[in-house]
C-alpha atoms as a PDB file:
ATOM      1  CA  MET A   1    -107.804  43.955  40.477  1.00  0.00           C
ATOM      2  CA  PRO A   2    -109.649  46.264  38.038  1.00  0.00           C
ATOM      3  CA  HIS A   3    -108.660  44.042  35.198  1.00  0.00           C
ATOM      4  CA  GLY A   4    -108.484  40.403  36.031  1.00  0.00           C
ATOM      5  CA  TYR A   5    -106.869  37.587  34.120  1.00  0.00           C
ATOM      6  CA  ALA A   6    -108.033  34.185  33.182  1.00  0.00           C
ATOM      7  CA  SER A   7    -106.894  31.314  35.379  1.00  0.00           C
ATOM      8  CA  ASP A   8    -107.356  27.560  35.860  1.00  0.00           C
ATOM      9  CA  LYS A   9    -109.704  28.265  39.036  1.00  0.00           C
ATOM     10  CA  LYS A  10    -112.876  26.425  38.755  1.00  0.00           C
ATOM     11  CA  ILE A  11    -115.897  28.648  39.567  1.00  0.00           C
ATOM     12  CA  GLU A  12    -117.576  27.457  42.788  1.00  0.00           C
ATOM     13  CA  LYS A  13    -120.722  28.221  44.856  1.00  0.00           C
ATOM     14  CA  GLY A  14    -120.521  31.625  46.362  1.00  0.00           C
ATOM     15  CA  ASP A  15    -118.069  32.945  43.740  1.00  0.00           C
ATOM     16  CA  ILE A  16    -118.584  36.267  42.016  1.00  0.00           C
ATOM     17  CA  VAL A  17    -117.598  36.646  38.404  1.00  0.00           C
ATOM     18  CA  ILE A  18    -117.215  40.014  36.801  1.00  0.00           C
ATOM     19  CA  VAL A  19    -117.554  39.784  32.994  1.00  0.00           C
ATOM     20  CA  ASP A  20    -116.380  42.606  30.810  1.00  0.00           C
ATOM     21  CA  PHE A  21    -117.419  42.204  27.185  1.00  0.00           C
ATOM     22  CA  GLY A  22    -118.609  44.017  24.160  1.00  0.00           C
ATOM     23  CA  ALA A  23    -119.420  43.850  20.485  1.00  0.00           C
ATOM     24  CA  CYS A  24    -118.103  45.282  17.252  1.00  0.00           C
ATOM     25  CA  LEU A  25    -120.427  46.385  14.475  1.00  0.00           C
ATOM     26  CA  ASN A  26    -119.094  48.025  11.205  1.00  0.00           C
ATOM     27  CA  GLY A  27    -115.850  48.721  12.993  1.00  0.00           C
ATOM     28  CA  LEU A  28    -117.458  50.430  15.989  1.00  0.00           C
ATOM     29  CA  ASN A  29    -117.160  48.910  19.486  1.00  0.00           C
ATOM     30  CA  SER A  30    -119.236  48.782  22.663  1.00  0.00           C
ATOM     31  CA  ASP A  31    -118.183  47.879  26.214  1.00  0.00           C
ATOM     32  CA  ILE A  32    -120.163  46.481  29.047  1.00  0.00           C
ATOM     33  CA  THR A  33    -119.541  44.837  32.422  1.00  0.00           C
ATOM     34  CA  ARG A  34    -121.911  42.780  34.480  1.00  0.00           C
ATOM     35  CA  VAL A  35    -121.683  40.694  37.594  1.00  0.00           C
ATOM     36  CA  PHE A  36    -122.658  37.134  38.037  1.00  0.00           C
ATOM     37  CA  CYS A  37    -122.765  35.027  41.163  1.00  0.00           C
ATOM     38  CA  VAL A  38    -123.003  31.436  41.822  1.00  0.00           C
ATOM     39  CA  ASN A  39    -125.771  30.449  44.228  1.00  0.00           C
ATOM     40  CA  LYS A  40    -125.924  33.167  46.793  1.00  0.00           C
ATOM     41  CA  ILE A  41    -124.625  36.709  47.272  1.00  0.00           C
ATOM     42  CA  ASP A  42    -122.272  37.667  50.170  1.00  0.00           C
ATOM     43  CA  PRO A  43    -124.007  40.665  52.031  1.00  0.00           C
ATOM     44  CA  ARG A  44    -120.659  42.634  51.975  1.00  0.00           C
ATOM     45  CA  TYR A  45    -120.602  42.268  48.259  1.00  0.00           C
ATOM     46  CA  LYS A  46    -124.277  43.187  47.802  1.00  0.00           C
ATOM     47  CA  LYS A  47    -123.706  46.368  49.931  1.00  0.00           C
ATOM     48  CA  ALA A  48    -120.613  47.410  47.741  1.00  0.00           C
ATOM     49  CA  TYR A  49    -122.569  46.565  44.589  1.00  0.00           C
ATOM     50  CA  ASP A  50    -125.430  48.781  45.620  1.00  0.00           C
ATOM     51  CA  VAL A  51    -123.091  51.706  46.151  1.00  0.00           C
ATOM     52  CA  ILE A  52    -121.503  51.237  42.765  1.00  0.00           C
ATOM     53  CA  LEU A  53    -124.763  50.866  40.995  1.00  0.00           C
ATOM     54  CA  SER A  54    -126.040  54.042  42.586  1.00  0.00           C
ATOM     55  CA  ALA A  55    -122.832  55.965  41.597  1.00  0.00           C
ATOM     56  CA  GLN A  56    -123.153  54.633  38.046  1.00  0.00           C
ATOM     57  CA  ASN A  57    -126.910  55.573  37.714  1.00  0.00           C
ATOM     58  CA  LEU A  58    -126.207  59.078  39.045  1.00  0.00           C
ATOM     59  CA  ALA A  59    -123.269  59.685  36.794  1.00  0.00           C
ATOM     60  CA  ILE A  60    -125.254  58.456  33.701  1.00  0.00           C
ATOM     61  CA  GLU A  61    -128.142  60.864  34.708  1.00  0.00           C
ATOM     62  CA  ALA A  62    -125.778  63.751  35.285  1.00  0.00           C
ATOM     63  CA  SER A  63    -123.946  63.397  31.887  1.00  0.00           C
ATOM     64  CA  ARG A  64    -124.647  66.172  29.522  1.00  0.00           C
ATOM     65  CA  PRO A  65    -122.963  68.286  26.734  1.00  0.00           C
ATOM     66  CA  GLY A  66    -120.719  71.100  28.128  1.00  0.00           C
ATOM     67  CA  MET A  67    -119.771  69.243  31.244  1.00  0.00           C
ATOM     68  CA  LEU A  68    -116.194  68.641  32.283  1.00  0.00           C
ATOM     69  CA  SER A  69    -115.353  65.040  32.224  1.00  0.00           C
ATOM     70  CA  SER A  70    -113.687  65.561  35.634  1.00  0.00           C
ATOM     71  CA  ASP A  71    -117.017  66.853  37.025  1.00  0.00           C
ATOM     72  CA  LEU A  72    -118.793  63.762  35.776  1.00  0.00           C
ATOM     73  CA  ASP A  73    -116.174  61.567  37.432  1.00  0.00           C
ATOM     74  CA  GLY A  74    -116.704  63.560  40.584  1.00  0.00           C
ATOM     75  CA  VAL A  75    -120.389  62.623  40.653  1.00  0.00           C
ATOM     76  CA  ALA A  76    -119.662  58.958  40.968  1.00  0.00           C
ATOM     77  CA  ARG A  77    -116.680  59.543  43.330  1.00  0.00           C
ATOM     78  CA  GLY A  78    -118.908  61.631  45.575  1.00  0.00           C
ATOM     79  CA  ILE A  79    -121.247  58.770  46.165  1.00  0.00           C
ATOM     80  CA  ILE A  80    -118.450  56.283  46.646  1.00  0.00           C
ATOM     81  CA  LYS A  81    -116.777  58.540  49.127  1.00  0.00           C
ATOM     82  CA  LYS A  82    -120.037  59.101  51.007  1.00  0.00           C
ATOM     83  CA  TYR A  83    -120.021  55.358  51.729  1.00  0.00           C
ATOM     84  CA  GLY A  84    -116.398  55.198  52.824  1.00  0.00           C
ATOM     85  CA  LEU A  85    -115.210  53.325  49.743  1.00  0.00           C
ATOM     86  CA  SER A  86    -113.208  55.965  47.926  1.00  0.00           C
ATOM     87  CA  SER A  87    -109.745  54.382  48.652  1.00  0.00           C
ATOM     88  CA  TYR A  88    -110.947  51.227  46.797  1.00  0.00           C
ATOM     89  CA  PHE A  89    -111.994  53.260  43.607  1.00  0.00           C
ATOM     90  CA  THR A  90    -108.599  52.969  41.912  1.00  0.00           C
ATOM     91  CA  HIS A  91    -109.286  53.812  38.285  1.00  0.00           C
ATOM     92  CA  THR A  92    -111.136  56.348  36.098  1.00  0.00           C
ATOM     93  CA  LEU A  93    -114.889  56.564  35.723  1.00  0.00           C
ATOM     94  CA  GLY A  94    -114.708  55.710  32.071  1.00  0.00           C
ATOM     95  CA  HIS A  95    -113.334  56.150  28.589  1.00  0.00           C
ATOM     96  CA  GLY A  96    -114.302  56.845  25.055  1.00  0.00           C
ATOM     97  CA  VAL A  97    -115.432  54.041  22.881  1.00  0.00           C
ATOM     98  CA  GLY A  98    -115.467  54.039  19.062  1.00  0.00           C
ATOM     99  CA  TYR A  99    -113.194  52.378  16.510  1.00  0.00           C
ATOM    100  CA  ASP A 100    -111.013  51.534  19.581  1.00  0.00           C
ATOM    101  CA  VAL A 101    -112.376  50.206  22.737  1.00  0.00           C
ATOM    102  CA  HIS A 102    -110.322  52.657  24.759  1.00  0.00           C
ATOM    103  CA  GLU A 103    -110.046  56.188  23.278  1.00  0.00           C
ATOM    104  CA  GLU A 104    -110.796  59.781  24.046  1.00  0.00           C
ATOM    105  CA  PRO A 105    -112.536  61.201  25.976  1.00  0.00           C
ATOM    106  CA  LYS A 106    -111.065  59.979  29.314  1.00  0.00           C
ATOM    107  CA  ILE A 107    -113.620  60.314  32.089  1.00  0.00           C
ATOM    108  CA  SER A 108    -111.252  60.948  34.918  1.00  0.00           C
ATOM    109  CA  LYS A 109    -110.809  63.174  37.960  1.00  0.00           C
ATOM    110  CA  ASN A 110    -107.778  64.623  36.065  1.00  0.00           C
ATOM    111  CA  SER A 111    -109.296  65.284  32.719  1.00  0.00           C
ATOM    112  CA  SER A 112    -110.255  68.771  31.357  1.00  0.00           C
ATOM    113  CA  TYR A 113    -112.120  67.418  28.483  1.00  0.00           C
ATOM    114  CA  ILE A 114    -115.486  69.210  27.763  1.00  0.00           C
ATOM    115  CA  LEU A 115    -118.140  66.654  26.910  1.00  0.00           C
ATOM    116  CA  GLU A 116    -119.896  67.184  23.549  1.00  0.00           C
ATOM    117  CA  SER A 117    -123.025  65.791  21.927  1.00  0.00           C
ATOM    118  CA  GLY A 118    -121.933  62.767  19.943  1.00  0.00           C
ATOM    119  CA  ASN A 119    -119.375  61.575  22.500  1.00  0.00           C
ATOM    120  CA  VAL A 120    -119.523  57.883  23.153  1.00  0.00           C
ATOM    121  CA  PHE A 121    -118.019  56.699  26.438  1.00  0.00           C
ATOM    122  CA  THR A 122    -118.326  54.283  29.291  1.00  0.00           C
ATOM    123  CA  ILE A 123    -119.380  54.897  32.833  1.00  0.00           C
ATOM    124  CA  GLU A 124    -117.863  52.160  34.941  1.00  0.00           C
ATOM    125  CA  PRO A 125    -117.342  52.844  38.561  1.00  0.00           C
ATOM    126  CA  GLY A 126    -115.749  50.010  40.495  1.00  0.00           C
ATOM    127  CA  VAL A 127    -114.230  49.233  43.805  1.00  0.00           C
ATOM    128  CA  TYR A 128    -111.657  46.610  44.424  1.00  0.00           C
ATOM    129  CA  PHE A 129    -110.833  45.046  47.782  1.00  0.00           C
ATOM    130  CA  PRO A 130    -107.330  43.336  47.416  1.00  0.00           C
ATOM    131  CA  GLY A 131    -107.376  39.648  48.073  1.00  0.00           C
ATOM    132  CA  ASP A 132    -111.120  39.684  48.624  1.00  0.00           C
ATOM    133  CA  PHE A 133    -113.405  40.959  45.780  1.00  0.00           C
ATOM    134  CA  GLY A 134    -114.127  43.677  43.331  1.00  0.00           C
ATOM    135  CA  VAL A 135    -117.335  45.281  41.905  1.00  0.00           C
ATOM    136  CA  ARG A 136    -117.842  47.045  38.666  1.00  0.00           C
ATOM    137  CA  VAL A 137    -120.912  47.969  36.531  1.00  0.00           C
ATOM    138  CA  GLU A 138    -120.219  49.419  33.007  1.00  0.00           C
ATOM    139  CA  ASP A 139    -122.363  50.806  30.274  1.00  0.00           C
ATOM    140  CA  THR A 140    -121.689  52.532  26.949  1.00  0.00           C
ATOM    141  CA  ILE A 141    -123.352  55.885  26.673  1.00  0.00           C
ATOM    142  CA  LEU A 142    -123.973  58.247  23.751  1.00  0.00           C
ATOM    143  CA  LEU A 143    -124.192  61.845  24.766  1.00  0.00           C
ATOM    144  CA  THR A 144    -127.047  63.630  22.873  1.00  0.00           C
ATOM    145  CA  GLU A 145    -128.196  67.219  22.631  1.00  0.00           C
ATOM    146  CA  LYS A 146    -130.951  66.521  25.153  1.00  0.00           C
ATOM    147  CA  GLY A 147    -129.009  64.173  27.480  1.00  0.00           C
ATOM    148  CA  HIS A 148    -127.870  60.648  26.745  1.00  0.00           C
ATOM    149  CA  GLN A 149    -128.679  57.195  25.380  1.00  0.00           C
ATOM    150  CA  ASN A 150    -127.526  54.084  26.991  1.00  0.00           C
ATOM    151  CA  PHE A 151    -126.538  51.385  24.468  1.00  0.00           C
ATOM    152  CA  CYS A 152    -126.636  48.647  27.122  1.00  0.00           C
ATOM    153  CA  SER A 153    -129.952  47.076  27.843  1.00  0.00           C
ATOM    154  CA  LEU A 154    -128.887  44.009  29.845  1.00  0.00           C
ATOM    155  CA  THR A 155    -130.143  43.989  33.454  1.00  0.00           C
ATOM    156  CA  LYS A 156    -127.944  45.630  36.023  1.00  0.00           C
ATOM    157  CA  GLU A 157    -129.097  43.251  38.738  1.00  0.00           C
ATOM    158  CA  ILE A 158    -126.530  40.766  39.957  1.00  0.00           C
ATOM    159  CA  ILE A 159    -127.209  37.740  37.679  1.00  0.00           C
ATOM    160  CA  LYS A 160    -127.522  34.569  39.838  1.00  0.00           C
ATOM    161  CA  LEU A 161    -126.355  31.316  38.208  1.00  0.00           C
END
């Protein structure tokens, strides 16, 4: 599920926990998602994680003013498709962040929004294998005249607990 729900399940060795969180300062929000694992990482999970991390890094580097948000979404989708995981990428690449955590621009394959300097948005590719596991990495990006600034400095490595 792209958006999980709290439950009474106790976290056990071998479990993967996706944590989506943020902060609010002077009414402005941020959004970040990182992955934690307990003890060891399943090789299947690591393989999917590496694909998602690559897709995210390439999309961040490709982001620039004047670009269609659908083209930015396509950068990440292209990598995910290359590795045969496109049917598991079931949501948009990202969304605007500001006074609301989810606002314009929508970074989606169906969006015709032209990205501008000053836009703040997430880049959060993810794949979800029903009944098995999901992977997502999310950062909040500021688009600048000369490129971008990533507001998230927390490691993107899977954090082992």
